[in-house]
C-alpha cells in the first residue's frame, strides 16, 4: 500500500493531536493557533482561541468518524472532520469542523477553524 501524501499525514496528525488536547486539556490548544487565527464556533466569530477555554462544559469526548485533507495552492492544508462528541451529561451529538493549517516557523498551526454541531430542525 502506498504511503499517504504529505498533506494527508500533516492533516491527520494535526486532527489526532487537536482532539486529544481538546479532550484532555483545552488550555494547551492555544499552542495550535496564531494570534491572528480566525475561529467560528456555532456561527459566532472569534479572533482568538481563548474562546475554546471558556466553552460551557467541563468534560468532552470526541470520536472522529471521517476526515479529509487537501493541499492548497499556497502550501497550506485544509482539513474537514466529521464525528460525534459528548459534553458533560449531554446526549451524543454529531459535529463538523474545518481547519486551515499553515506552516509557521517549522510548526503547523491552525489559521482558520470553523465548527458546527450537526443539529437539524426537520420541522421547519
PDB file of N, CA and C in Angstrom:
ATOM      1  N   UNK A   1       0.838  -1.184   0.000  1.00  0.00           N
ATOM      2  CA  UNK A   1       0.000   0.000   0.000  1.00  0.00           C
ATOM      3  C   UNK A   1       0.881   1.246   0.000  1.00  0.00           C
ATOM      4  N   UNK A   2       0.541   2.212  -0.830  1.00  0.00           N
ATOM      5  CA  UNK A   2       1.341   3.424  -0.969  1.00  0.00           C
ATOM      6  C   UNK A   2       1.241   4.296   0.282  1.00  0.00           C
ATOM      7  N   UNK A   3       2.305   5.008   0.551  1.00  0.00           N
ATOM      8  CA  UNK A   3       2.316   5.926   1.685  1.00  0.00           C
ATOM      9  C   UNK A   3       1.374   7.092   1.394  1.00  0.00           C
ATOM     10  N   UNK A   4       0.713   7.589   2.432  1.00  0.00           N
ATOM     11  CA  UNK A   4      -0.209   8.711   2.266  1.00  0.00           C
ATOM     12  C   UNK A   4       0.565   9.943   1.804  1.00  0.00           C
ATOM     13  N   UNK A   5      -0.069  10.785   0.971  1.00  0.00           N
ATOM     14  CA  UNK A   5       0.576  12.052   0.596  1.00  0.00           C
ATOM     15  C   UNK A   5       0.883  12.883   1.843  1.00  0.00           C
ATOM     16  N   UNK A   6       1.872  13.742   1.728  1.00  0.00           N
ATOM     17  CA  UNK A   6       2.330  14.542   2.867  1.00  0.00           C
ATOM     18  C   UNK A   6       1.192  15.358   3.485  1.00  0.00           C
ATOM     19  N   UNK A   7       0.330  15.958   2.660  1.00  0.00           N
ATOM     20  CA  UNK A   7      -0.751  16.783   3.216  1.00  0.00           C
ATOM     21  C   UNK A   7      -1.722  15.947   4.044  1.00  0.00           C
ATOM     22  N   UNK A   8      -1.933  14.683   3.668  1.00  0.00           N
ATOM     23  CA  UNK A   8      -2.799  13.820   4.478  1.00  0.00           C
ATOM     24  C   UNK A   8      -2.125  13.456   5.798  1.00  0.00           C
ATOM     25  N   UNK A   9      -0.833  13.251   5.775  1.00  0.00           N
ATOM     26  CA  UNK A   9      -0.110  12.960   7.010  1.00  0.00           C
ATOM     27  C   UNK A   9      -0.159  14.160   7.955  1.00  0.00           C
ATOM     28  N   UNK A  10       0.039  15.347   7.398  1.00  0.00           N
ATOM     29  CA  UNK A  10       0.003  16.573   8.209  1.00  0.00           C
ATOM     30  C   UNK A  10      -1.394  16.771   8.782  1.00  0.00           C
ATOM     31  N   UNK A  11      -2.398  16.671   7.929  1.00  0.00           N
ATOM     32  CA  UNK A  11      -3.779  16.885   8.364  1.00  0.00           C
ATOM     33  C   UNK A  11      -4.226  15.875   9.408  1.00  0.00           C
ATOM     34  N   UNK A  12      -3.995  14.591   9.157  1.00  0.00           N
ATOM     35  CA  UNK A  12      -4.455  13.576  10.105  1.00  0.00           C
ATOM     36  C   UNK A  12      -3.667  13.642  11.412  1.00  0.00           C
ATOM     37  N   UNK A  13      -2.388  13.986  11.347  1.00  0.00           N
ATOM     38  CA  UNK A  13      -1.601  14.153  12.570  1.00  0.00           C
ATOM     39  C   UNK A  13      -2.106  15.324  13.400  1.00  0.00           C
ATOM     40  N   UNK A  14      -2.433  16.432  12.714  1.00  0.00           N
ATOM     41  CA  UNK A  14      -2.959  17.593  13.417  1.00  0.00           C
ATOM     42  C   UNK A  14      -4.297  17.255  14.073  1.00  0.00           C
ATOM     43  N   UNK A  15      -5.187  16.604  13.331  1.00  0.00           N
ATOM     44  CA  UNK A  15      -6.516  16.267  13.835  1.00  0.00           C
ATOM     45  C   UNK A  15      -6.409  15.378  15.075  1.00  0.00           C
ATOM     46  N   UNK A  16      -5.564  14.370  15.012  1.00  0.00           N
ATOM     47  CA  UNK A  16      -5.397  13.479  16.162  1.00  0.00           C
ATOM     48  C   UNK A  16      -4.908  14.265  17.375  1.00  0.00           C
ATOM     49  N   UNK A  17      -3.891  15.099  17.178  1.00  0.00           N
ATOM     50  CA  UNK A  17      -3.329  15.883  18.287  1.00  0.00           C
ATOM     51  C   UNK A  17      -4.350  16.903  18.820  1.00  0.00           C
ATOM     52  N   UNK A  18      -5.046  17.568  17.920  1.00  0.00           N
ATOM     53  CA  UNK A  18      -6.017  18.593  18.310  1.00  0.00           C
ATOM     54  C   UNK A  18      -7.091  18.029  19.240  1.00  0.00           C
ATOM     55  N   UNK A  19      -7.715  16.939  18.830  1.00  0.00           N
ATOM     56  CA  UNK A  19      -8.812  16.400  19.639  1.00  0.00           C
ATOM     57  C   UNK A  19      -8.317  15.741  20.922  1.00  0.00           C
ATOM     58  N   UNK A  20      -7.115  15.214  20.911  1.00  0.00           N
ATOM     59  CA  UNK A  20      -6.538  14.684  22.150  1.00  0.00           C
ATOM     60  C   UNK A  20      -6.359  15.833  23.153  1.00  0.00           C
ATOM     61  N   UNK A  21      -5.812  16.966  22.679  1.00  0.00           N
ATOM     62  CA  UNK A  21      -5.641  18.131  23.547  1.00  0.00           C
ATOM     63  C   UNK A  21      -6.989  18.686  23.994  1.00  0.00           C
ATOM     64  N   UNK A  22      -7.938  18.763  23.061  1.00  0.00           N
ATOM     65  CA  UNK A  22      -9.255  19.312  23.380  1.00  0.00           C
ATOM     66  C   UNK A  22      -9.919  18.485  24.481  1.00  0.00           C
ATOM     67  N   UNK A  23      -9.818  17.173  24.387  1.00  0.00           N
ATOM     68  CA  UNK A  23     -10.486  16.288  25.347  1.00  0.00           C
ATOM     69  C   UNK A  23      -9.788  16.219  26.700  1.00  0.00           C
ATOM     70  N   UNK A  24      -8.498  16.520  26.745  1.00  0.00           N
ATOM     71  CA  UNK A  24      -7.758  16.366  27.998  1.00  0.00           C
ATOM     72  C   UNK A  24      -7.376  17.686  28.658  1.00  0.00           C
ATOM     73  N   UNK A  25      -7.001  18.702  27.866  1.00  0.00           N
ATOM     74  CA  UNK A  25      -6.559  19.973  28.455  1.00  0.00           C
ATOM     75  C   UNK A  25      -6.695  21.085  27.417  1.00  0.00           C
ATOM     76  N   UNK A  26      -7.873  21.702  27.359  1.00  0.00           N
ATOM     77  CA  UNK A  26      -8.151  22.731  26.352  1.00  0.00           C
ATOM     78  C   UNK A  26      -7.181  23.904  26.394  1.00  0.00           C
ATOM     79  N   UNK A  27      -6.572  24.182  27.538  1.00  0.00           N
ATOM     80  CA  UNK A  27      -5.633  25.301  27.646  1.00  0.00           C
ATOM     81  C   UNK A  27      -4.481  25.134  26.644  1.00  0.00           C
ATOM     82  N   UNK A  28      -4.068  23.890  26.425  1.00  0.00           N
ATOM     83  CA  UNK A  28      -2.951  23.626  25.517  1.00  0.00           C
ATOM     84  C   UNK A  28      -3.301  23.854  24.049  1.00  0.00           C
ATOM     85  N   UNK A  29      -4.581  24.037  23.731  1.00  0.00           N
ATOM     86  CA  UNK A  29      -4.971  24.304  22.352  1.00  0.00           C
ATOM     87  C   UNK A  29      -4.394  25.619  21.839  1.00  0.00           C
ATOM     88  N   UNK A  30      -4.109  26.550  22.734  1.00  0.00           N
ATOM     89  CA  UNK A  30      -3.558  27.843  22.318  1.00  0.00           C
ATOM     90  C   UNK A  30      -2.285  27.676  21.507  1.00  0.00           C
ATOM     91  N   UNK A  31      -1.514  26.637  21.776  1.00  0.00           N
ATOM     92  CA  UNK A  31      -0.268  26.391  21.044  1.00  0.00           C
ATOM     93  C   UNK A  31      -0.513  26.012  19.587  1.00  0.00           C
ATOM     94  N   UNK A  32      -1.749  25.649  19.247  1.00  0.00           N
ATOM     95  CA  UNK A  32      -2.062  25.198  17.889  1.00  0.00           C
ATOM     96  C   UNK A  32      -2.615  26.315  17.006  1.00  0.00           C
ATOM     97  N   UNK A  33      -2.697  27.526  17.537  1.00  0.00           N
ATOM     98  CA  UNK A  33      -3.221  28.674  16.810  1.00  0.00           C
ATOM     99  C   UNK A  33      -2.197  29.797  16.807  1.00  0.00           C
ATOM    100  N   UNK A  34      -2.438  30.809  15.960  1.00  0.00           N
ATOM    101  CA  UNK A  34      -1.630  32.024  15.984  1.00  0.00           C
ATOM    102  C   UNK A  34      -2.468  33.149  16.586  1.00  0.00           C
ATOM    103  N   UNK A  35      -1.855  34.268  16.856  1.00  0.00           N
ATOM    104  CA  UNK A  35      -2.596  35.424  17.375  1.00  0.00           C
ATOM    105  C   UNK A  35      -3.607  35.936  16.349  1.00  0.00           C
ATOM    106  N   UNK A  36      -3.361  35.670  15.070  1.00  0.00           N
ATOM    107  CA  UNK A  36      -4.242  36.161  14.005  1.00  0.00           C
ATOM    108  C   UNK A  36      -5.248  35.114  13.534  1.00  0.00           C
ATOM    109  N   UNK A  37      -5.301  33.961  14.194  1.00  0.00           N
ATOM    110  CA  UNK A  37      -6.228  32.897  13.775  1.00  0.00           C
ATOM    111  C   UNK A  37      -7.677  33.361  13.883  1.00  0.00           C
ATOM    112  N   UNK A  38      -8.499  32.905  12.930  1.00  0.00           N
ATOM    113  CA  UNK A  38      -9.933  33.197  12.938  1.00  0.00           C
ATOM    114  C   UNK A  38     -10.696  31.917  13.250  1.00  0.00           C
ATOM    115  N   UNK A  39     -11.635  31.997  14.176  1.00  0.00           N
ATOM    116  CA  UNK A  39     -12.453  30.853  14.551  1.00  0.00           C
ATOM    117  C   UNK A  39     -13.928  31.212  14.417  1.00  0.00           C
ATOM    118  N   UNK A  40     -14.719  30.239  14.002  1.00  0.00           N
ATOM    119  CA  UNK A  40     -16.166  30.357  14.042  1.00  0.00           C
ATOM    120  C   UNK A  40     -16.669  29.155  14.810  1.00  0.00           C
ATOM    121  N   UNK A  41     -17.364  29.425  15.906  1.00  0.00           N
ATOM    122  CA  UNK A  41     -17.903  28.364  16.762  1.00  0.00           C
ATOM    123  C   UNK A  41     -19.405  28.530  16.790  1.00  0.00           C
ATOM    124  N   UNK A  42     -20.129  27.625  16.139  1.00  0.00           N
ATOM    125  CA  UNK A  42     -21.590  27.690  16.071  1.00  0.00           C
ATOM    126  C   UNK A  42     -22.079  29.043  15.567  1.00  0.00           C
ATOM    127  N   UNK A  43     -21.426  29.559  14.530  1.00  0.00           N
ATOM    128  CA  UNK A  43     -21.855  30.795  13.896  1.00  0.00           C
ATOM    129  C   UNK A  43     -21.306  32.067  14.511  1.00  0.00           C
ATOM    130  N   UNK A  44     -20.638  31.973  15.635  1.00  0.00           N
ATOM    131  CA  UNK A  44     -20.064  33.151  16.296  1.00  0.00           C
ATOM    132  C   UNK A  44     -18.576  33.232  15.983  1.00  0.00           C
ATOM    133  N   UNK A  45     -18.136  34.374  15.469  1.00  0.00           N
ATOM    134  CA  UNK A  45     -16.743  34.545  15.077  1.00  0.00           C
ATOM    135  C   UNK A  45     -15.874  35.037  16.218  1.00  0.00           C
ATOM    136  N   UNK A  46     -14.633  34.565  16.219  1.00  0.00           N
ATOM    137  CA  UNK A  46     -13.640  34.963  17.219  1.00  0.00           C
ATOM    138  C   UNK A  46     -12.314  35.205  16.513  1.00  0.00           C
ATOM    139  N   UNK A  47     -11.517  36.085  17.050  1.00  0.00           N
ATOM    140  CA  UNK A  47     -10.194  36.354  16.508  1.00  0.00           C
ATOM    141  C   UNK A  47      -9.105  35.746  17.393  1.00  0.00           C
ATOM    142  N   UNK A  48      -9.501  34.956  18.371  1.00  0.00           N
ATOM    143  CA  UNK A  48      -8.528  34.349  19.275  1.00  0.00           C
ATOM    144  C   UNK A  48      -9.038  32.990  19.735  1.00  0.00           C
ATOM    145  N   UNK A  49      -8.130  32.131  20.122  1.00  0.00           N
ATOM    146  CA  UNK A  49      -8.533  30.780  20.527  1.00  0.00           C
ATOM    147  C   UNK A  49      -8.911  30.706  21.997  1.00  0.00           C
ATOM    148  N   UNK A  50      -8.796  31.793  22.731  1.00  0.00           N
ATOM    149  CA  UNK A  50      -9.158  31.783  24.154  1.00  0.00           C
ATOM    150  C   UNK A  50     -10.614  31.391  24.357  1.00  0.00           C
ATOM    151  N   UNK A  51     -11.434  31.603  23.333  1.00  0.00           N
ATOM    152  CA  UNK A  51     -12.851  31.245  23.457  1.00  0.00           C
ATOM    153  C   UNK A  51     -13.023  29.749  23.703  1.00  0.00           C
ATOM    154  N   UNK A  52     -12.092  28.931  23.259  1.00  0.00           N
ATOM    155  CA  UNK A  52     -12.205  27.484  23.440  1.00  0.00           C
ATOM    156  C   UNK A  52     -12.083  27.080  24.901  1.00  0.00           C
ATOM    157  N   UNK A  53     -11.374  27.883  25.674  1.00  0.00           N
ATOM    158  CA  UNK A  53     -11.199  27.577  27.089  1.00  0.00           C
ATOM    159  C   UNK A  53     -12.426  27.947  27.911  1.00  0.00           C
ATOM    160  N   UNK A  54     -13.271  28.819  27.371  1.00  0.00           N
ATOM    161  CA  UNK A  54     -14.436  29.285  28.131  1.00  0.00           C
ATOM    162  C   UNK A  54     -15.740  28.658  27.650  1.00  0.00           C
ATOM    163  N   UNK A  55     -15.665  27.584  26.898  1.00  0.00           N
ATOM    164  CA  UNK A  55     -16.880  26.918  26.442  1.00  0.00           C
ATOM    165  C   UNK A  55     -17.649  26.356  27.641  1.00  0.00           C
ATOM    166  N   UNK A  56     -18.983  26.296  27.537  1.00  0.00           N
ATOM    167  CA  UNK A  56     -19.820  25.996  28.715  1.00  0.00           C
ATOM    168  C   UNK A  56     -19.954  24.510  29.064  1.00  0.00           C
ATOM    169  N   UNK A  57     -18.858  23.795  29.152  1.00  0.00           N
ATOM    170  CA  UNK A  57     -18.910  22.411  29.611  1.00  0.00           C
ATOM    171  C   UNK A  57     -17.600  22.093  30.313  1.00  0.00           C
ATOM    172  N   UNK A  58     -17.638  21.085  31.171  1.00  0.00           N
ATOM    173  CA  UNK A  58     -16.457  20.699  31.938  1.00  0.00           C
ATOM    174  C   UNK A  58     -15.657  19.598  31.245  1.00  0.00           C
ATOM    175  N   UNK A  59     -16.372  18.578  30.751  1.00  0.00           N
ATOM    176  CA  UNK A  59     -15.696  17.453  30.106  1.00  0.00           C
ATOM    177  C   UNK A  59     -16.265  17.260  28.711  1.00  0.00           C
ATOM    178  N   UNK A  60     -15.425  16.710  27.839  1.00  0.00           N
ATOM    179  CA  UNK A  60     -15.863  16.434  26.477  1.00  0.00           C
ATOM    180  C   UNK A  60     -15.058  15.267  25.925  1.00  0.00           C
ATOM    181  N   UNK A  61     -15.693  14.499  25.069  1.00  0.00           N
ATOM    182  CA  UNK A  61     -15.028  13.405  24.358  1.00  0.00           C
ATOM    183  C   UNK A  61     -15.435  13.491  22.900  1.00  0.00           C
ATOM    184  N   UNK A  62     -14.452  13.441  22.011  1.00  0.00           N
ATOM    185  CA  UNK A  62     -14.697  13.450  20.566  1.00  0.00           C
ATOM    186  C   UNK A  62     -14.405  12.072  19.998  1.00  0.00           C
ATOM    187  N   UNK A  63     -15.224  11.658  19.047  1.00  0.00           N
ATOM    188  CA  UNK A  63     -14.956  10.454  18.256  1.00  0.00           C
ATOM    189  C   UNK A  63     -14.968  10.893  16.799  1.00  0.00           C
ATOM    190  N   UNK A  64     -13.859  10.710  16.119  1.00  0.00           N
ATOM    191  CA  UNK A  64     -13.740  11.103  14.715  1.00  0.00           C
ATOM    192  C   UNK A  64     -14.230   9.946  13.854  1.00  0.00           C
ATOM    193  N   UNK A  65     -15.201  10.229  12.981  1.00  0.00           N
ATOM    194  CA  UNK A  65     -15.728   9.181  12.108  1.00  0.00           C
ATOM    195  C   UNK A  65     -15.217   9.320  10.678  1.00  0.00           C
ATOM    196  N   UNK A  66     -14.824  10.521  10.271  1.00  0.00           N
ATOM    197  CA  UNK A  66     -14.279  10.729   8.927  1.00  0.00           C
ATOM    198  C   UNK A  66     -13.453  12.002   8.915  1.00  0.00           C
ATOM    199  N   UNK A  67     -12.440  12.007   8.067  1.00  0.00           N
ATOM    200  CA  UNK A  67     -11.646  13.214   7.878  1.00  0.00           C
ATOM    201  C   UNK A  67     -11.082  13.215   6.464  1.00  0.00           C
ATOM    202  N   UNK A  68     -11.048  14.407   5.874  1.00  0.00           N
ATOM    203  CA  UNK A  68     -10.498  14.594   4.536  1.00  0.00           C
ATOM    204  C   UNK A  68      -9.504  15.745   4.584  1.00  0.00           C
ATOM    205  N   UNK A  69      -8.456  15.630   3.782  1.00  0.00           N
ATOM    206  CA  UNK A  69      -7.397  16.640   3.777  1.00  0.00           C
ATOM    207  C   UNK A  69      -7.029  16.966   2.339  1.00  0.00           C
ATOM    208  N   UNK A  70      -6.835  18.256   2.064  1.00  0.00           N
ATOM    209  CA  UNK A  70      -6.430  18.700   0.736  1.00  0.00           C
ATOM    210  C   UNK A  70      -5.270  19.669   0.842  1.00  0.00           C
ATOM    211  N   UNK A  71      -4.368  19.634  -0.132  1.00  0.00           N
ATOM    212  CA  UNK A  71      -3.349  20.680  -0.208  1.00  0.00           C
ATOM    213  C   UNK A  71      -3.980  21.924  -0.836  1.00  0.00           C
ATOM    214  N   UNK A  72      -3.497  23.092  -0.479  1.00  0.00           N
ATOM    215  CA  UNK A  72      -3.978  24.325  -1.099  1.00  0.00           C
ATOM    216  C   UNK A  72      -2.859  24.897  -1.966  1.00  0.00           C
ATOM    217  N   UNK A  73      -3.196  25.780  -2.909  1.00  0.00           N
ATOM    218  CA  UNK A  73      -2.171  26.348  -3.795  1.00  0.00           C
ATOM    219  C   UNK A  73      -1.079  27.126  -3.062  1.00  0.00           C
ATOM    220  N   UNK A  74      -1.364  27.599  -1.848  1.00  0.00           N
ATOM    221  CA  UNK A  74      -0.369  28.371  -1.097  1.00  0.00           C
ATOM    222  C   UNK A  74       0.331  27.538  -0.029  1.00  0.00           C
ATOM    223  N   UNK A  75       0.424  26.214  -0.263  1.00  0.00           N
ATOM    224  CA  UNK A  75       1.171  25.280   0.599  1.00  0.00           C
ATOM    225  C   UNK A  75       0.569  25.099   1.989  1.00  0.00           C
ATOM    226  N   UNK A  76      -0.713  25.314   2.107  1.00  0.00           N
ATOM    227  CA  UNK A  76      -1.420  25.031   3.350  1.00  0.00           C
ATOM    228  C   UNK A  76      -2.119  23.684   3.223  1.00  0.00           C
ATOM    229  N   UNK A  77      -2.762  23.259   4.282  1.00  0.00           N
ATOM    230  CA  UNK A  77      -3.540  22.024   4.286  1.00  0.00           C
ATOM    231  C   UNK A  77      -4.928  22.349   4.826  1.00  0.00           C
ATOM    232  N   UNK A  78      -5.958  21.978   4.062  1.00  0.00           N
ATOM    233  CA  UNK A  78      -7.331  22.142   4.520  1.00  0.00           C
ATOM    234  C   UNK A  78      -7.832  20.783   4.990  1.00  0.00           C
ATOM    235  N   UNK A  79      -8.396  20.754   6.189  1.00  0.00           N
ATOM    236  CA  UNK A  79      -8.886  19.501   6.775  1.00  0.00           C
ATOM    237  C   UNK A  79     -10.346  19.650   7.169  1.00  0.00           C
ATOM    238  N   UNK A  80     -11.147  18.667   6.777  1.00  0.00           N
ATOM    239  CA  UNK A  80     -12.553  18.618   7.186  1.00  0.00           C
ATOM    240  C   UNK A  80     -12.737  17.379   8.049  1.00  0.00           C
ATOM    241  N   UNK A  81     -13.368  17.561   9.198  1.00  0.00           N
ATOM    242  CA  UNK A  81     -13.542  16.478  10.159  1.00  0.00           C
ATOM    243  C   UNK A  81     -15.032  16.310  10.460  1.00  0.00           C
ATOM    244  N   UNK A  82     -15.461  15.076  10.507  1.00  0.00           N
ATOM    245  CA  UNK A  82     -16.821  14.751  10.942  1.00  0.00           C
ATOM    246  C   UNK A  82     -16.703  13.774  12.100  1.00  0.00           C
ATOM    247  N   UNK A  83     -17.626  13.889  13.048  1.00  0.00           N
ATOM    248  CA  UNK A  83     -17.567  12.976  14.174  1.00  0.00           C
ATOM    249  C   UNK A  83     -18.718  13.175  15.123  1.00  0.00           C
ATOM    250  N   UNK A  84     -18.530  12.629  16.307  1.00  0.00           N
ATOM    251  CA  UNK A  84     -19.507  12.744  17.374  1.00  0.00           C
ATOM    252  C   UNK A  84     -18.791  13.239  18.623  1.00  0.00           C
ATOM    253  N   UNK A  85     -19.531  13.945  19.458  1.00  0.00           N
ATOM    254  CA  UNK A  85     -18.971  14.401  20.724  1.00  0.00           C
ATOM    255  C   UNK A  85     -19.988  14.221  21.826  1.00  0.00           C
ATOM    256  N   UNK A  86     -19.463  14.112  23.029  1.00  0.00           N
ATOM    257  CA  UNK A  86     -20.298  14.036  24.226  1.00  0.00           C
ATOM    258  C   UNK A  86     -19.710  15.008  25.236  1.00  0.00           C
ATOM    259  N   UNK A  87     -20.512  16.020  25.592  1.00  0.00           N
ATOM    260  CA  UNK A  87     -20.083  17.024  26.560  1.00  0.00           C
ATOM    261  C   UNK A  87     -20.858  16.838  27.854  1.00  0.00           C
ATOM    262  N   UNK A  88     -20.116  16.738  28.947  1.00  0.00           N
ATOM    263  CA  UNK A  88     -20.719  16.527  30.273  1.00  0.00           C
ATOM    264  C   UNK A  88     -21.744  15.396  30.203  1.00  0.00           C
ATOM    265  N   UNK A  89     -22.982  15.672  30.636  1.00  0.00           N
ATOM    266  CA  UNK A  89     -24.022  14.634  30.639  1.00  0.00           C
ATOM    267  C   UNK A  89     -24.981  14.761  29.458  1.00  0.00           C
ATOM    268  N   UNK A  90     -24.636  15.602  28.480  1.00  0.00           N
ATOM    269  CA  UNK A  90     -25.479  15.782  27.306  1.00  0.00           C
ATOM    270  C   UNK A  90     -25.498  14.519  26.450  1.00  0.00           C
ATOM    271  N   UNK A  91     -26.483  14.455  25.567  1.00  0.00           N
ATOM    272  CA  UNK A  91     -26.538  13.352  24.616  1.00  0.00           C
ATOM    273  C   UNK A  91     -25.389  13.473  23.621  1.00  0.00           C
ATOM    274  N   UNK A  92     -25.058  12.359  22.988  1.00  0.00           N
ATOM    275  CA  UNK A  92     -24.054  12.367  21.932  1.00  0.00           C
ATOM    276  C   UNK A  92     -24.599  13.168  20.754  1.00  0.00           C
ATOM    277  N   UNK A  93     -23.763  14.050  20.195  1.00  0.00           N
ATOM    278  CA  UNK A  93     -24.154  14.888  19.064  1.00  0.00           C
ATOM    279  C   UNK A  93     -23.118  14.774  17.954  1.00  0.00           C
ATOM    280  N   UNK A  94     -23.573  14.897  16.733  1.00  0.00           N
ATOM    281  CA  UNK A  94     -22.660  14.939  15.602  1.00  0.00           C
ATOM    282  C   UNK A  94     -22.066  16.335  15.452  1.00  0.00           C
ATOM    283  N   UNK A  95     -20.909  16.412  14.795  1.00  0.00           N
ATOM    284  CA  UNK A  95     -20.288  17.713  14.529  1.00  0.00           C
ATOM    285  C   UNK A  95     -19.458  17.648  13.246  1.00  0.00           C
ATOM    286  N   UNK A  96     -19.217  18.836  12.697  1.00  0.00           N
ATOM    287  CA  UNK A  96     -18.283  19.009  11.593  1.00  0.00           C
ATOM    288  C   UNK A  96     -17.345  20.141  11.963  1.00  0.00           C
ATOM    289  N   UNK A  97     -16.088  20.002  11.541  1.00  0.00           N
ATOM    290  CA  UNK A  97     -15.118  21.049  11.807  1.00  0.00           C
ATOM    291  C   UNK A  97     -14.154  21.116  10.631  1.00  0.00           C
ATOM    292  N   UNK A  98     -13.801  22.333  10.241  1.00  0.00           N
ATOM    293  CA  UNK A  98     -12.864  22.553   9.137  1.00  0.00           C
ATOM    294  C   UNK A  98     -11.695  23.365   9.671  1.00  0.00           C
ATOM    295  N   UNK A  99     -10.487  22.919   9.352  1.00  0.00           N
ATOM    296  CA  UNK A  99      -9.256  23.608   9.743  1.00  0.00           C
ATOM    297  C   UNK A  99      -8.480  24.006   8.498  1.00  0.00           C
ATOM    298  N   UNK A 100      -7.874  25.182   8.521  1.00  0.00           N
ATOM    299  CA  UNK A 100      -6.875  25.547   7.520  1.00  0.00           C
ATOM    300  C   UNK A 100      -5.552  25.612   8.270  1.00  0.00           C
ATOM    301  N   UNK A 101      -4.624  24.751   7.874  1.00  0.00           N
ATOM    302  CA  UNK A 101      -3.341  24.615   8.561  1.00  0.00           C
ATOM    303  C   UNK A 101      -2.240  25.257   7.737  1.00  0.00           C
ATOM    304  N   UNK A 102      -1.342  25.946   8.409  1.00  0.00           N
ATOM    305  CA  UNK A 102      -0.228  26.627   7.741  1.00  0.00           C
ATOM    306  C   UNK A 102       1.053  26.364   8.513  1.00  0.00           C
ATOM    307  N   UNK A 103       2.134  26.206   7.792  1.00  0.00           N
ATOM    308  CA  UNK A 103       3.436  26.003   8.425  1.00  0.00           C
ATOM    309  C   UNK A 103       4.032  27.375   8.748  1.00  0.00           C
ATOM    310  N   UNK A 104       4.149  27.662  10.038  1.00  0.00           N
ATOM    311  CA  UNK A 104       4.713  28.926  10.513  1.00  0.00           C
ATOM    312  C   UNK A 104       5.904  28.590  11.398  1.00  0.00           C
ATOM    313  N   UNK A 105       7.080  29.017  10.990  1.00  0.00           N
ATOM    314  CA  UNK A 105       8.312  28.761  11.755  1.00  0.00           C
ATOM    315  C   UNK A 105       8.495  27.268  12.035  1.00  0.00           C
ATOM    316  N   UNK A 106       8.324  26.449  11.001  1.00  0.00           N
ATOM    317  CA  UNK A 106       8.506  24.986  11.079  1.00  0.00           C
ATOM    318  C   UNK A 106       7.516  24.303  12.019  1.00  0.00           C
ATOM    319  N   UNK A 107       6.352  24.900  12.201  1.00  0.00           N
ATOM    320  CA  UNK A 107       5.317  24.314  13.048  1.00  0.00           C
ATOM    321  C   UNK A 107       3.969  24.496  12.349  1.00  0.00           C
ATOM    322  N   UNK A 108       3.180  23.430  12.260  1.00  0.00           N
ATOM    323  CA  UNK A 108       1.859  23.513  11.648  1.00  0.00           C
ATOM    324  C   UNK A 108       0.870  24.050  12.658  1.00  0.00           C
ATOM    325  N   UNK A 109       0.228  25.168  12.308  1.00  0.00           N
ATOM    326  CA  UNK A 109      -0.750  25.814  13.174  1.00  0.00           C
ATOM    327  C   UNK A 109      -2.055  26.016  12.405  1.00  0.00           C
ATOM    328  N   UNK A 110      -3.109  26.232  13.132  1.00  0.00           N
ATOM    329  CA  UNK A 110      -4.423  26.458  12.549  1.00  0.00           C
ATOM    330  C   UNK A 110      -4.638  27.964  12.391  1.00  0.00           C
ATOM    331  N   UNK A 111      -4.831  28.410  11.144  1.00  0.00           N
ATOM    332  CA  UNK A 111      -5.099  29.831  10.900  1.00  0.00           C
ATOM    333  C   UNK A 111      -6.594  30.109  10.815  1.00  0.00           C
ATOM    334  N   UNK A 112      -7.371  29.086  10.455  1.00  0.00           N
ATOM    335  CA  UNK A 112      -8.821  29.218  10.350  1.00  0.00           C
ATOM    336  C   UNK A 112      -9.467  27.940  10.864  1.00  0.00           C
ATOM    337  N   UNK A 113     -10.570  28.103  11.608  1.00  0.00           N
ATOM    338  CA  UNK A 113     -11.240  26.979  12.251  1.00  0.00           C
ATOM    339  C   UNK A 113     -12.739  27.269  12.259  1.00  0.00           C
ATOM    340  N   UNK A 114     -13.530  26.371  11.657  1.00  0.00           N
ATOM    341  CA  UNK A 114     -14.983  26.528  11.639  1.00  0.00           C
ATOM    342  C   UNK A 114     -15.616  25.267  12.219  1.00  0.00           C
ATOM    343  N   UNK A 115     -16.487  25.452  13.220  1.00  0.00           N
ATOM    344  CA  UNK A 115     -17.103  24.334  13.923  1.00  0.00           C
ATOM    345  C   UNK A 115     -18.618  24.500  13.934  1.00  0.00           C
ATOM    346  N   UNK A 116     -19.330  23.383  13.688  1.00  0.00           N
ATOM    347  CA  UNK A 116     -20.786  23.351  13.803  1.00  0.00           C
ATOM    348  C   UNK A 116     -21.226  21.998  14.344  1.00  0.00           C
ATOM    349  N   UNK A 117     -22.190  22.034  15.266  1.00  0.00           N
ATOM    350  CA  UNK A 117     -22.869  20.806  15.673  1.00  0.00           C
ATOM    351  C   UNK A 117     -23.777  20.386  14.528  1.00  0.00           C
ATOM    352  N   UNK A 118     -23.970  19.086  14.377  1.00  0.00           N
ATOM    353  CA  UNK A 118     -24.826  18.564  13.318  1.00  0.00           C
ATOM    354  C   UNK A 118     -26.253  18.446  13.851  1.00  0.00           C
ATOM    355  N   UNK A 119     -26.867  19.609  14.071  1.00  0.00           N
ATOM    356  CA  UNK A 119     -28.231  19.653  14.566  1.00  0.00           C
ATOM    357  C   UNK A 119     -29.137  20.026  13.398  1.00  0.00           C
ATOM    358  N   UNK A 120     -30.220  19.324  13.273  1.00  0.00           N
ATOM    359  CA  UNK A 120     -31.123  19.555  12.163  1.00  0.00           C
ATOM    360  C   UNK A 120     -32.521  19.820  12.697  1.00  0.00           C
ATOM    361  N   UNK A 121     -33.158  20.831  12.152  1.00  0.00           N
ATOM    362  CA  UNK A 121     -34.531  21.108  12.501  1.00  0.00           C
ATOM    363  C   UNK A 121     -35.402  20.706  11.309  1.00  0.00           C
ATOM    364  N   UNK A 122     -35.833  19.462  11.287  1.00  0.00           N
ATOM    365  CA  UNK A 122     -36.579  18.951  10.154  1.00  0.00           C
ATOM    366  C   UNK A 122     -38.019  19.455  10.131  1.00  0.00           C
ATOM    367  N   UNK A 123     -38.499  20.026  11.227  1.00  0.00           N
ATOM    368  CA  UNK A 123     -39.866  20.512  11.280  1.00  0.00           C
ATOM    369  C   UNK A 123     -40.026  21.914  10.699  1.00  0.00           C
ATOM    370  N   UNK A 124     -38.934  22.592  10.453  1.00  0.00           N
ATOM    371  CA  UNK A 124     -39.004  23.993   9.980  1.00  0.00           C
ATOM    372  C   UNK A 124     -39.221  24.062   8.491  1.00  0.00           C
TER     373      UNK A 124
END
